[in-house]
């Protein structure tokens, strides 16, 4: 009797799997399309207030793009722990979340942030690179990398990071560091 239904079951599973693939592709494309539009608007923002509103919307997308509600709630909990200075608890939560959601850039970025706050710059750099491999426009990660390179006195890299980030987000306030970086870069060549 099982063999009689086997072709039907195979066909059903094949179409169900195809449907799920198409569904997730459409959801991912919708998120990507929304982000693409937001980044275009961010680049063309006429003033800082407009840019900050768009930035907030981008952060909302990044923070809530887990695969399910449980992951998004875990992200919120981790973000609260991070804001309260509970770095070790937040780190554990984000590490678990990054294992569950390996293609979600934000848990990895949060790990990079915690490593930065703990003063472990080299570990933070590794996580920033991972974040940027998933979301190359992540201005938060690029900003962190700029600050790390300043702290490590790698001013040439800091300047490249800053230029890359301001290409994505021209009105970001970190661009004010440019004159300082240039002065420090000139001093380092003396």
N, C-alpha and C. Protein backbone atom coordinates (compact mmCIF):
# COMPACT_ATOMS: atom_id res chain seq x y z
N UNK A 1 0.82 -1.19 0.00
CA UNK A 1 0.00 0.00 0.00
C UNK A 1 0.86 1.26 0.00
N UNK A 2 2.00 1.25 0.66
CA UNK A 2 2.89 2.40 0.72
C UNK A 2 3.42 2.71 -0.67
N UNK A 3 3.74 1.69 -1.45
CA UNK A 3 4.25 1.92 -2.80
C UNK A 3 3.21 2.58 -3.69
N UNK A 4 1.93 2.27 -3.46
CA UNK A 4 0.86 2.86 -4.25
C UNK A 4 0.81 4.38 -4.07
N UNK A 5 1.06 4.86 -2.86
CA UNK A 5 1.00 6.29 -2.57
C UNK A 5 2.35 6.98 -2.71
N UNK A 6 3.36 6.20 -2.88
CA UNK A 6 4.70 6.75 -2.95
C UNK A 6 4.87 7.80 -4.05
N UNK A 7 4.41 7.58 -5.28
CA UNK A 7 4.56 8.62 -6.31
C UNK A 7 3.79 9.90 -5.95
N UNK A 8 2.60 9.73 -5.36
CA UNK A 8 1.83 10.89 -4.94
C UNK A 8 2.58 11.67 -3.86
N UNK A 9 3.10 10.95 -2.89
CA UNK A 9 3.83 11.57 -1.79
C UNK A 9 5.07 12.29 -2.31
N UNK A 10 5.79 11.66 -3.23
CA UNK A 10 6.98 12.29 -3.81
C UNK A 10 6.61 13.58 -4.54
N UNK A 11 5.55 13.52 -5.29
CA UNK A 11 5.10 14.71 -6.03
C UNK A 11 4.66 15.81 -5.06
N UNK A 12 3.91 15.43 -4.03
CA UNK A 12 3.46 16.38 -3.03
C UNK A 12 4.65 17.06 -2.35
N UNK A 13 5.63 16.26 -1.92
CA UNK A 13 6.80 16.81 -1.25
C UNK A 13 7.60 17.72 -2.18
N UNK A 14 7.70 17.30 -3.44
CA UNK A 14 8.44 18.11 -4.42
C UNK A 14 7.79 19.48 -4.58
N UNK A 15 6.46 19.51 -4.73
CA UNK A 15 5.77 20.79 -4.92
C UNK A 15 5.74 21.62 -3.63
N UNK A 16 5.63 20.96 -2.50
CA UNK A 16 5.66 21.67 -1.22
C UNK A 16 7.02 22.33 -1.03
N UNK A 17 8.08 21.59 -1.30
CA UNK A 17 9.43 22.13 -1.18
C UNK A 17 9.62 23.29 -2.15
N UNK A 18 9.15 23.14 -3.38
CA UNK A 18 9.26 24.22 -4.37
C UNK A 18 8.49 25.46 -3.91
N UNK A 19 7.30 25.24 -3.38
CA UNK A 19 6.50 26.35 -2.88
C UNK A 19 7.24 27.08 -1.76
N UNK A 20 7.81 26.32 -0.81
CA UNK A 20 8.54 26.93 0.30
C UNK A 20 9.75 27.73 -0.20
N UNK A 21 10.46 27.20 -1.17
CA UNK A 21 11.61 27.92 -1.73
C UNK A 21 11.17 29.25 -2.36
N UNK A 22 10.10 29.20 -3.12
CA UNK A 22 9.58 30.41 -3.76
C UNK A 22 9.10 31.41 -2.70
N UNK A 23 8.43 30.91 -1.67
CA UNK A 23 7.94 31.77 -0.59
C UNK A 23 9.09 32.50 0.09
N UNK A 24 10.13 31.76 0.50
CA UNK A 24 11.26 32.39 1.17
C UNK A 24 12.03 33.31 0.24
N UNK A 25 12.10 32.98 -1.03
CA UNK A 25 12.74 33.85 -2.01
C UNK A 25 11.99 35.18 -2.11
N UNK A 26 10.67 35.11 -2.16
CA UNK A 26 9.87 36.34 -2.25
C UNK A 26 9.98 37.18 -0.99
N UNK A 27 9.97 36.54 0.19
CA UNK A 27 10.12 37.27 1.44
C UNK A 27 11.49 37.95 1.48
N UNK A 28 12.55 37.20 1.13
CA UNK A 28 13.90 37.76 1.13
C UNK A 28 13.99 38.92 0.14
N UNK A 29 13.41 38.75 -1.04
CA UNK A 29 13.44 39.81 -2.05
C UNK A 29 12.70 41.05 -1.58
N UNK A 30 11.58 40.87 -0.90
CA UNK A 30 10.82 42.02 -0.39
C UNK A 30 11.66 42.78 0.63
N UNK A 31 12.32 42.05 1.54
CA UNK A 31 13.19 42.69 2.52
C UNK A 31 14.34 43.39 1.82
N UNK A 32 14.96 42.72 0.87
CA UNK A 32 16.09 43.31 0.13
C UNK A 32 15.65 44.54 -0.63
N UNK A 33 14.46 44.47 -1.23
CA UNK A 33 13.94 45.61 -1.99
C UNK A 33 13.69 46.80 -1.07
N UNK A 34 13.10 46.53 0.10
CA UNK A 34 12.86 47.61 1.07
C UNK A 34 14.18 48.24 1.50
N UNK A 35 15.16 47.40 1.83
CA UNK A 35 16.46 47.93 2.25
C UNK A 35 17.15 48.69 1.12
N UNK A 36 17.06 48.15 -0.08
CA UNK A 36 17.67 48.82 -1.24
C UNK A 36 17.10 50.23 -1.39
N UNK A 37 15.79 50.33 -1.28
CA UNK A 37 15.12 51.63 -1.38
C UNK A 37 15.54 52.57 -0.24
N UNK A 38 15.60 52.03 0.97
CA UNK A 38 16.02 52.84 2.10
C UNK A 38 17.45 53.35 1.94
N UNK A 39 18.35 52.49 1.45
CA UNK A 39 19.73 52.92 1.25
C UNK A 39 19.85 53.96 0.15
N UNK A 40 19.04 53.84 -0.89
CA UNK A 40 19.04 54.88 -1.93
C UNK A 40 18.57 56.21 -1.35
N UNK A 41 17.53 56.15 -0.54
CA UNK A 41 17.02 57.37 0.10
C UNK A 41 18.03 57.95 1.10
N UNK A 42 18.74 57.07 1.80
CA UNK A 42 19.75 57.52 2.76
C UNK A 42 20.86 58.28 2.05
N UNK A 43 21.25 57.75 0.91
CA UNK A 43 22.33 58.39 0.14
C UNK A 43 21.91 59.77 -0.38
N UNK A 44 20.60 59.92 -0.67
CA UNK A 44 20.10 61.18 -1.23
C UNK A 44 19.45 62.09 -0.19
N UNK A 45 19.50 61.71 1.08
CA UNK A 45 18.82 62.49 2.12
C UNK A 45 19.27 63.95 2.08
N UNK A 46 18.31 64.88 2.10
CA UNK A 46 18.65 66.30 1.96
C UNK A 46 19.23 66.94 3.23
N UNK A 47 18.94 66.32 4.38
CA UNK A 47 19.43 66.90 5.64
C UNK A 47 19.59 65.80 6.68
N UNK A 48 20.22 66.15 7.79
CA UNK A 48 20.54 65.18 8.82
C UNK A 48 19.28 64.57 9.45
N UNK A 49 18.27 65.36 9.66
CA UNK A 49 17.03 64.84 10.26
C UNK A 49 16.40 63.78 9.37
N UNK A 50 16.33 64.04 8.08
CA UNK A 50 15.78 63.06 7.14
C UNK A 50 16.64 61.79 7.13
N UNK A 51 17.95 61.98 7.14
CA UNK A 51 18.86 60.84 7.13
C UNK A 51 18.69 60.00 8.39
N UNK A 52 18.52 60.63 9.53
CA UNK A 52 18.36 59.90 10.78
C UNK A 52 17.05 59.11 10.82
N UNK A 53 16.01 59.64 10.21
CA UNK A 53 14.74 58.91 10.13
C UNK A 53 14.92 57.66 9.28
N UNK A 54 15.61 57.79 8.16
CA UNK A 54 15.87 56.65 7.28
C UNK A 54 16.79 55.66 7.99
N UNK A 55 17.81 56.17 8.67
CA UNK A 55 18.72 55.30 9.42
C UNK A 55 17.94 54.45 10.42
N UNK A 56 17.01 55.07 11.12
CA UNK A 56 16.18 54.37 12.10
C UNK A 56 15.39 53.24 11.45
N UNK A 57 14.86 53.49 10.28
CA UNK A 57 14.10 52.47 9.56
C UNK A 57 15.00 51.31 9.14
N UNK A 58 16.23 51.62 8.75
CA UNK A 58 17.19 50.57 8.38
C UNK A 58 17.52 49.72 9.60
N UNK A 59 17.78 50.38 10.73
CA UNK A 59 18.06 49.63 11.96
C UNK A 59 16.88 48.75 12.33
N UNK A 60 15.65 49.25 12.18
CA UNK A 60 14.47 48.45 12.47
C UNK A 60 14.45 47.18 11.62
N UNK A 61 14.78 47.32 10.34
CA UNK A 61 14.82 46.16 9.44
C UNK A 61 15.90 45.18 9.89
N UNK A 62 17.11 45.73 10.17
CA UNK A 62 18.21 44.86 10.58
C UNK A 62 17.90 44.10 11.87
N UNK A 63 17.26 44.79 12.81
CA UNK A 63 16.98 44.19 14.11
C UNK A 63 15.81 43.22 14.11
N UNK A 64 15.00 43.25 13.08
CA UNK A 64 13.80 42.41 13.07
C UNK A 64 13.73 41.49 11.85
N UNK A 65 14.87 41.14 11.30
CA UNK A 65 14.83 40.28 10.10
C UNK A 65 15.25 38.84 10.39
N UNK A 66 14.95 38.39 11.61
CA UNK A 66 15.18 36.98 11.93
C UNK A 66 14.18 36.12 11.17
N UNK A 67 14.41 34.81 11.20
CA UNK A 67 13.54 33.91 10.44
C UNK A 67 12.21 33.66 11.12
N UNK A 68 12.11 33.98 12.41
CA UNK A 68 10.84 33.79 13.11
C UNK A 68 10.72 34.78 14.27
N UNK A 69 9.55 34.80 14.85
CA UNK A 69 9.26 35.73 15.94
C UNK A 69 10.16 35.48 17.15
N UNK A 70 10.46 34.22 17.41
CA UNK A 70 11.32 33.87 18.55
C UNK A 70 12.71 34.50 18.39
N UNK A 71 13.26 34.43 17.19
CA UNK A 71 14.57 35.03 16.95
C UNK A 71 14.52 36.55 17.12
N UNK A 72 13.47 37.17 16.62
CA UNK A 72 13.33 38.62 16.76
C UNK A 72 13.18 39.03 18.23
N UNK A 73 12.47 38.22 19.01
CA UNK A 73 12.34 38.50 20.44
C UNK A 73 13.68 38.33 21.15
N UNK A 74 14.44 37.32 20.73
CA UNK A 74 15.76 37.10 21.30
C UNK A 74 16.68 38.29 20.99
N UNK A 75 16.55 38.83 19.77
CA UNK A 75 17.34 40.01 19.39
C UNK A 75 16.98 41.19 20.30
N UNK A 76 15.68 41.41 20.54
CA UNK A 76 15.25 42.51 21.41
C UNK A 76 15.80 42.33 22.82
N UNK A 77 15.72 41.11 23.33
CA UNK A 77 16.21 40.84 24.68
C UNK A 77 17.72 41.10 24.76
N UNK A 78 18.46 40.64 23.76
CA UNK A 78 19.90 40.87 23.73
C UNK A 78 20.25 42.34 23.64
N UNK A 79 19.49 43.09 22.86
CA UNK A 79 19.72 44.52 22.71
C UNK A 79 19.48 45.25 24.03
N UNK A 80 18.46 44.82 24.76
CA UNK A 80 18.18 45.41 26.08
C UNK A 80 19.33 45.09 27.04
N UNK A 81 19.78 43.83 27.05
CA UNK A 81 20.90 43.45 27.91
C UNK A 81 22.15 44.27 27.58
N UNK A 82 22.40 44.46 26.30
CA UNK A 82 23.55 45.24 25.85
C UNK A 82 23.43 46.68 26.35
N UNK A 83 22.27 47.27 26.20
CA UNK A 83 22.04 48.66 26.64
C UNK A 83 22.20 48.80 28.15
N UNK A 84 21.90 47.73 28.89
CA UNK A 84 22.01 47.75 30.35
C UNK A 84 23.43 47.42 30.82
N UNK A 85 24.33 47.15 29.87
CA UNK A 85 25.71 46.85 30.24
C UNK A 85 25.95 45.40 30.63
N UNK A 86 24.97 44.55 30.43
CA UNK A 86 25.09 43.11 30.73
C UNK A 86 25.79 42.42 29.55
N UNK A 87 27.06 42.74 29.36
CA UNK A 87 27.78 42.30 28.16
C UNK A 87 27.89 40.79 28.03
N UNK A 88 28.20 40.10 29.12
CA UNK A 88 28.38 38.65 29.04
C UNK A 88 27.07 37.93 28.72
N UNK A 89 25.98 38.36 29.35
CA UNK A 89 24.67 37.76 29.06
C UNK A 89 24.25 38.05 27.62
N UNK A 90 24.46 39.28 27.19
CA UNK A 90 24.11 39.65 25.82
C UNK A 90 24.95 38.88 24.83
N UNK A 91 26.25 38.74 25.11
CA UNK A 91 27.15 38.01 24.22
C UNK A 91 26.70 36.57 24.05
N UNK A 92 26.36 35.92 25.14
CA UNK A 92 25.90 34.53 25.08
C UNK A 92 24.64 34.42 24.22
N UNK A 93 23.72 35.34 24.42
CA UNK A 93 22.47 35.34 23.67
C UNK A 93 22.72 35.55 22.17
N UNK A 94 23.58 36.53 21.83
CA UNK A 94 23.86 36.81 20.42
C UNK A 94 24.66 35.68 19.76
N UNK A 95 25.54 35.03 20.52
CA UNK A 95 26.27 33.89 19.95
C UNK A 95 25.30 32.75 19.62
N UNK A 96 24.36 32.48 20.54
CA UNK A 96 23.35 31.45 20.26
C UNK A 96 22.51 31.83 19.04
N UNK A 97 22.12 33.09 18.98
CA UNK A 97 21.29 33.56 17.87
C UNK A 97 22.05 33.49 16.55
N UNK A 98 23.35 33.80 16.56
CA UNK A 98 24.13 33.77 15.32
C UNK A 98 24.32 32.33 14.82
N UNK A 99 24.31 31.36 15.74
CA UNK A 99 24.38 29.95 15.32
C UNK A 99 23.06 29.50 14.72
N UNK A 100 21.97 29.97 15.33
CA UNK A 100 20.64 29.62 14.82
C UNK A 100 20.36 30.32 13.49
N UNK A 101 20.86 31.55 13.34
CA UNK A 101 20.58 32.39 12.16
C UNK A 101 21.90 32.84 11.52
N UNK A 102 22.64 31.92 10.91
CA UNK A 102 23.98 32.27 10.41
C UNK A 102 24.01 33.28 9.26
N UNK A 103 22.86 33.54 8.63
CA UNK A 103 22.83 34.49 7.52
C UNK A 103 22.22 35.83 7.92
N UNK A 104 21.97 36.01 9.20
CA UNK A 104 21.44 37.26 9.72
C UNK A 104 22.62 38.06 10.25
N UNK A 105 22.89 39.18 9.65
CA UNK A 105 24.08 39.97 9.97
C UNK A 105 24.03 40.60 11.35
N UNK A 106 22.86 40.96 11.82
CA UNK A 106 22.79 41.77 13.04
C UNK A 106 23.25 41.06 14.32
N UNK A 107 22.93 39.78 14.55
CA UNK A 107 23.49 39.15 15.75
C UNK A 107 25.03 39.15 15.73
N UNK A 108 25.60 38.98 14.56
CA UNK A 108 27.05 38.97 14.42
C UNK A 108 27.60 40.37 14.67
N UNK A 109 26.91 41.38 14.19
CA UNK A 109 27.32 42.76 14.45
C UNK A 109 27.26 43.08 15.94
N UNK A 110 26.26 42.55 16.62
CA UNK A 110 26.15 42.79 18.06
C UNK A 110 27.32 42.13 18.80
N UNK A 111 27.75 40.96 18.35
CA UNK A 111 28.92 40.31 18.95
C UNK A 111 30.14 41.20 18.73
N UNK A 112 30.29 41.74 17.53
CA UNK A 112 31.40 42.66 17.24
C UNK A 112 31.36 43.86 18.16
N UNK A 113 30.18 44.40 18.39
CA UNK A 113 30.02 45.56 19.28
C UNK A 113 30.46 45.22 20.70
N UNK A 114 30.04 44.07 21.18
CA UNK A 114 30.41 43.66 22.54
C UNK A 114 31.91 43.46 22.65
N UNK A 115 32.51 42.83 21.65
CA UNK A 115 33.97 42.63 21.67
C UNK A 115 34.68 43.98 21.67
N UNK A 116 34.16 44.93 20.91
CA UNK A 116 34.71 46.29 20.89
C UNK A 116 34.63 46.92 22.29
N UNK A 117 33.46 46.82 22.91
CA UNK A 117 33.27 47.40 24.24
C UNK A 117 34.17 46.75 25.29
N UNK A 118 34.49 45.48 25.07
CA UNK A 118 35.38 44.77 26.00
C UNK A 118 36.86 45.06 25.70
N UNK A 119 37.11 45.79 24.63
CA UNK A 119 38.48 46.14 24.28
C UNK A 119 39.20 45.07 23.46
N UNK A 120 38.47 44.06 23.02
CA UNK A 120 39.06 42.99 22.20
C UNK A 120 38.88 43.38 20.73
N UNK A 121 39.72 44.31 20.29
CA UNK A 121 39.57 44.88 18.95
C UNK A 121 39.75 43.86 17.84
N UNK A 122 40.68 42.94 18.00
CA UNK A 122 40.95 41.99 16.91
C UNK A 122 39.80 41.01 16.73
N UNK A 123 39.20 40.59 17.82
CA UNK A 123 38.01 39.74 17.72
C UNK A 123 36.86 40.54 17.11
N UNK A 124 36.73 41.80 17.53
CA UNK A 124 35.69 42.65 16.97
C UNK A 124 35.86 42.80 15.46
N UNK A 125 37.10 42.98 15.01
CA UNK A 125 37.37 43.10 13.57
C UNK A 125 36.91 41.85 12.83
N UNK A 126 37.20 40.69 13.40
CA UNK A 126 36.77 39.43 12.76
C UNK A 126 35.25 39.39 12.59
N UNK A 127 34.54 39.78 13.64
CA UNK A 127 33.08 39.77 13.56
C UNK A 127 32.54 40.87 12.64
N UNK A 128 33.23 41.99 12.59
CA UNK A 128 32.82 43.05 11.66
C UNK A 128 32.96 42.55 10.22
N UNK A 129 34.05 41.87 9.93
CA UNK A 129 34.26 41.33 8.58
C UNK A 129 33.16 40.34 8.23
N UNK A 130 32.77 39.52 9.20
CA UNK A 130 31.68 38.58 8.98
C UNK A 130 30.37 39.31 8.74
N UNK A 131 30.12 40.34 9.52
CA UNK A 131 28.91 41.17 9.34
C UNK A 131 28.88 41.76 7.94
N UNK A 132 30.01 42.33 7.52
CA UNK A 132 30.07 42.98 6.21
C UNK A 132 29.99 41.97 5.05
N UNK A 133 30.37 40.74 5.29
CA UNK A 133 30.22 39.73 4.24
C UNK A 133 28.74 39.43 4.00
N UNK A 134 27.92 39.62 5.04
CA UNK A 134 26.48 39.40 4.93
C UNK A 134 25.73 40.67 4.54
N UNK A 135 26.20 41.82 5.01
CA UNK A 135 25.56 43.11 4.73
C UNK A 135 26.66 44.15 4.51
N UNK A 136 27.15 44.27 3.26
CA UNK A 136 28.26 45.19 2.96
C UNK A 136 27.94 46.66 3.22
N UNK A 137 26.67 47.01 3.35
CA UNK A 137 26.28 48.41 3.59
C UNK A 137 26.11 48.71 5.08
N UNK A 138 26.52 47.81 5.94
CA UNK A 138 26.27 47.98 7.38
C UNK A 138 27.13 49.12 7.93
N UNK A 139 26.56 50.32 7.89
CA UNK A 139 27.31 51.51 8.30
C UNK A 139 27.68 51.47 9.78
N UNK A 140 26.93 50.77 10.60
CA UNK A 140 27.28 50.63 12.01
C UNK A 140 28.57 49.84 12.17
N UNK A 141 28.67 48.73 11.43
CA UNK A 141 29.88 47.91 11.49
C UNK A 141 31.08 48.67 10.92
N UNK A 142 30.86 49.38 9.83
CA UNK A 142 31.95 50.14 9.21
C UNK A 142 32.41 51.27 10.13
N UNK A 143 31.47 51.90 10.80
CA UNK A 143 31.80 52.94 11.76
C UNK A 143 32.63 52.37 12.90
N UNK A 144 32.25 51.21 13.39
CA UNK A 144 33.03 50.55 14.44
C UNK A 144 34.43 50.22 13.97
N UNK A 145 34.54 49.75 12.74
CA UNK A 145 35.85 49.42 12.18
C UNK A 145 36.72 50.67 12.07
N UNK A 146 36.11 51.78 11.70
CA UNK A 146 36.83 53.05 11.63
C UNK A 146 37.39 53.41 13.01
N UNK A 147 36.56 53.30 14.03
CA UNK A 147 37.00 53.64 15.39
C UNK A 147 38.11 52.70 15.89
N UNK A 148 37.99 51.43 15.55
CA UNK A 148 39.03 50.47 15.94
C UNK A 148 40.35 50.81 15.27
N UNK A 149 40.29 51.12 13.99
CA UNK A 149 41.53 51.44 13.28
C UNK A 149 42.16 52.73 13.80
N UNK A 150 41.35 53.67 14.26
CA UNK A 150 41.90 54.87 14.90
C UNK A 150 42.60 54.47 16.20
N UNK A 151 41.94 53.64 17.01
CA UNK A 151 42.53 53.20 18.27
C UNK A 151 43.83 52.43 18.06
N UNK A 152 43.89 51.66 16.96
CA UNK A 152 45.10 50.88 16.65
C UNK A 152 46.14 51.69 15.88
N UNK A 153 45.83 52.98 15.67
CA UNK A 153 46.71 53.90 14.94
C UNK A 153 46.97 53.45 13.50
N UNK A 154 45.97 52.83 12.93
CA UNK A 154 46.01 52.44 11.51
C UNK A 154 45.15 53.46 10.75
N UNK A 155 45.70 54.66 10.66
CA UNK A 155 44.94 55.79 10.14
C UNK A 155 44.61 55.66 8.66
N UNK A 156 45.48 55.02 7.90
CA UNK A 156 45.19 54.83 6.48
C UNK A 156 43.96 53.94 6.31
N UNK A 157 43.86 52.88 7.12
CA UNK A 157 42.68 52.01 7.06
C UNK A 157 41.44 52.74 7.58
N UNK A 158 41.62 53.51 8.63
CA UNK A 158 40.49 54.27 9.19
C UNK A 158 39.92 55.23 8.15
N UNK A 159 40.80 55.87 7.40
CA UNK A 159 40.35 56.80 6.35
C UNK A 159 39.60 56.06 5.24
N UNK A 160 40.10 54.90 4.85
CA UNK A 160 39.41 54.10 3.83
C UNK A 160 38.04 53.66 4.33
N UNK A 161 37.98 53.22 5.60
CA UNK A 161 36.69 52.83 6.18
C UNK A 161 35.72 54.00 6.19
N UNK A 162 36.22 55.15 6.61
CA UNK A 162 35.38 56.35 6.69
C UNK A 162 34.85 56.75 5.31
N UNK A 163 35.72 56.72 4.32
CA UNK A 163 35.29 57.08 2.96
C UNK A 163 34.25 56.09 2.43
N UNK A 164 34.47 54.81 2.71
CA UNK A 164 33.52 53.77 2.28
C UNK A 164 32.16 54.00 2.95
N UNK A 165 32.21 54.28 4.26
CA UNK A 165 30.97 54.48 5.00
C UNK A 165 30.23 55.73 4.55
N UNK A 166 30.95 56.82 4.31
CA UNK A 166 30.27 58.05 3.90
C UNK A 166 29.72 57.95 2.47
N UNK A 167 30.23 57.02 1.69
CA UNK A 167 29.65 56.75 0.38
C UNK A 167 28.27 56.11 0.55
N UNK A 168 28.11 55.33 1.59
CA UNK A 168 26.83 54.68 1.88
C UNK A 168 25.89 55.64 2.60
N UNK A 169 26.45 56.39 3.56
CA UNK A 169 25.66 57.25 4.45
C UNK A 169 26.38 58.60 4.54
N UNK A 170 26.20 59.46 3.52
CA UNK A 170 26.96 60.71 3.44
C UNK A 170 26.80 61.66 4.63
N UNK A 171 25.66 61.66 5.30
CA UNK A 171 25.43 62.62 6.38
C UNK A 171 25.72 62.04 7.78
N UNK A 172 26.32 60.88 7.83
CA UNK A 172 26.65 60.28 9.12
C UNK A 172 27.64 61.17 9.87
N UNK A 173 27.41 61.34 11.15
CA UNK A 173 28.23 62.27 11.93
C UNK A 173 29.67 61.82 12.10
N UNK A 174 29.97 60.56 11.87
CA UNK A 174 31.36 60.10 12.02
C UNK A 174 32.28 60.74 10.99
N UNK A 175 31.71 61.30 9.94
CA UNK A 175 32.56 61.95 8.93
C UNK A 175 33.33 63.14 9.52
N UNK A 176 32.87 63.62 10.69
CA UNK A 176 33.57 64.72 11.36
C UNK A 176 34.97 64.30 11.81
N UNK A 177 35.22 63.00 11.87
CA UNK A 177 36.54 62.51 12.26
C UNK A 177 37.58 62.62 11.14
N UNK A 178 37.12 62.89 9.94
CA UNK A 178 38.02 62.92 8.79
C UNK A 178 39.23 63.85 8.99
N UNK A 179 39.03 65.12 9.40
CA UNK A 179 40.20 66.00 9.59
C UNK A 179 41.19 65.44 10.63
N UNK A 180 40.66 64.89 11.72
CA UNK A 180 41.52 64.30 12.74
C UNK A 180 42.33 63.13 12.17
N UNK A 181 41.66 62.27 11.41
CA UNK A 181 42.36 61.11 10.83
C UNK A 181 43.46 61.58 9.88
N UNK A 182 43.16 62.59 9.08
CA UNK A 182 44.17 63.10 8.13
C UNK A 182 45.37 63.68 8.88
N UNK A 183 45.11 64.44 9.94
CA UNK A 183 46.22 64.99 10.74
C UNK A 183 47.06 63.86 11.32
N UNK A 184 46.40 62.86 11.89
CA UNK A 184 47.13 61.75 12.50
C UNK A 184 47.89 60.93 11.45
N UNK A 185 47.30 60.81 10.28
CA UNK A 185 47.96 60.10 9.17
C UNK A 185 49.23 60.83 8.77
N UNK A 186 49.14 62.15 8.66
CA UNK A 186 50.34 62.95 8.30
C UNK A 186 51.41 62.83 9.38
N UNK A 187 51.01 62.88 10.64
CA UNK A 187 51.97 62.76 11.75
C UNK A 187 52.63 61.39 11.76
N UNK A 188 51.89 60.36 11.36
CA UNK A 188 52.46 59.01 11.40
C UNK A 188 53.51 58.82 10.31
N UNK A 189 53.51 59.68 9.28
CA UNK A 189 54.51 59.58 8.21
C UNK A 189 55.77 60.39 8.53
N UNK A 190 55.69 61.20 9.57
CA UNK A 190 56.85 62.05 9.92
C UNK A 190 57.90 61.22 10.65
